[in-house]
């Protein structure tokens, strides 16, 4: 029976500026963030073997859902902490 070797590599980068064009784009995104207060991300996904564009989109959506859950969880924790502080001060 033959032996098979499978090699997989992946690279996931966010906002990594390498070329002058990348640095200029990053600078423009930073200026836009200062103006409107919103954040933007440049996402680079490199895999070997390559994955389909549909898979990349699904992966990004999955990551955004996880980020949404983390933001909601952090907001709930901050609200709980604030209520506990109010109750603690009222008990003093």
Protein backbone atom coordinates (compact mmCIF):
# COMPACT_ATOMS: atom_id res chain seq x y z
CA UNK A 1 0.00 0.00 0.00
CA UNK A 2 1.51 3.36 -1.01
CA UNK A 3 2.23 6.07 1.56
CA UNK A 4 0.73 9.48 0.95
CA UNK A 5 1.93 12.74 2.39
CA UNK A 6 -0.44 15.66 2.76
CA UNK A 7 0.96 19.14 3.27
CA UNK A 8 -1.28 22.02 4.24
CA UNK A 9 -0.26 25.59 4.98
CA UNK A 10 -2.32 28.65 5.74
CA UNK A 11 -1.71 32.30 6.46
CA UNK A 12 -4.29 34.70 7.82
CA UNK A 13 -3.30 38.35 8.08
CA UNK A 14 -5.22 41.45 9.03
CA UNK A 15 -4.04 44.95 8.12
CA UNK A 16 -0.48 43.99 7.22
CA UNK A 17 1.03 46.69 5.01
CA UNK A 18 3.97 45.47 2.94
CA UNK A 19 4.17 47.51 -0.25
CA UNK A 20 3.86 51.27 -0.65
CA UNK A 21 0.35 50.69 -2.04
CA UNK A 22 -0.57 48.64 1.06
CA UNK A 23 0.85 51.30 3.39
CA UNK A 24 -1.03 54.05 1.56
CA UNK A 25 -4.26 52.03 1.80
CA UNK A 26 -3.66 51.48 5.53
CA UNK A 27 -3.03 55.20 6.02
CA UNK A 28 -6.28 56.06 4.20
CA UNK A 29 -8.20 53.54 6.34
CA UNK A 30 -6.68 55.11 9.48
CA UNK A 31 -7.71 58.61 8.32
CA UNK A 32 -11.24 57.36 7.57
CA UNK A 33 -11.42 55.81 11.05
CA UNK A 34 -10.46 59.13 12.63
CA UNK A 35 -13.10 60.94 10.57
CA UNK A 36 -16.11 58.66 11.01
CA UNK A 37 -15.14 56.55 14.04
CA UNK A 38 -15.68 53.27 12.21
CA UNK A 39 -13.02 50.59 11.82
CA UNK A 40 -12.09 48.75 8.66
CA UNK A 41 -10.06 45.62 8.08
CA UNK A 42 -8.07 44.35 5.16
CA UNK A 43 -8.09 40.57 5.34
CA UNK A 44 -5.64 38.39 3.45
CA UNK A 45 -6.15 34.62 3.32
CA UNK A 46 -3.47 32.50 1.68
CA UNK A 47 -3.69 28.70 1.72
CA UNK A 48 -1.99 25.80 0.03
CA UNK A 49 -3.85 24.10 -1.49
CA UNK A 50 -6.03 27.09 -2.40
CA UNK A 51 -9.59 27.27 -1.11
CA UNK A 52 -12.53 28.61 -3.07
CA UNK A 53 -13.76 32.19 -2.83
CA UNK A 54 -17.04 30.87 -1.41
CA UNK A 55 -15.13 29.14 1.40
CA UNK A 56 -13.19 32.35 2.13
CA UNK A 57 -16.46 34.30 2.37
CA UNK A 58 -17.98 31.66 4.65
CA UNK A 59 -14.89 31.74 6.89
CA UNK A 60 -15.01 35.54 7.14
CA UNK A 61 -18.74 35.45 7.98
CA UNK A 62 -18.07 32.85 10.66
CA UNK A 63 -15.33 35.04 12.13
CA UNK A 64 -17.61 38.10 12.14
CA UNK A 65 -20.31 36.11 13.95
CA UNK A 66 -17.75 35.07 16.59
CA UNK A 67 -16.66 38.71 16.92
CA UNK A 68 -20.28 39.79 17.34
CA UNK A 69 -20.73 37.21 20.10
CA UNK A 70 -17.56 38.46 21.84
CA UNK A 71 -18.70 42.10 21.68
CA UNK A 72 -22.14 41.20 23.08
CA UNK A 73 -20.55 39.14 25.84
CA UNK A 74 -18.20 41.98 26.79
CA UNK A 75 -21.08 44.49 26.85
CA UNK A 76 -23.13 42.19 29.08
CA UNK A 77 -20.16 41.75 31.43
CA UNK A 78 -19.65 45.53 31.61
CA UNK A 79 -23.36 46.04 32.36
CA UNK A 80 -23.28 43.39 35.10
CA UNK A 81 -20.16 44.96 36.62
CA UNK A 82 -21.78 48.40 36.62
CA UNK A 83 -24.90 47.04 38.36
CA UNK A 84 -22.75 45.26 40.95
CA UNK A 85 -20.89 48.50 41.67
CA UNK A 86 -24.18 50.39 42.13
CA UNK A 87 -25.53 47.71 44.47
CA UNK A 88 -22.24 47.64 46.38
CA UNK A 89 -22.28 51.42 46.90
CA UNK A 90 -25.93 51.31 47.99
CA UNK A 91 -25.07 48.72 50.63
CA UNK A 92 -22.33 50.89 52.19
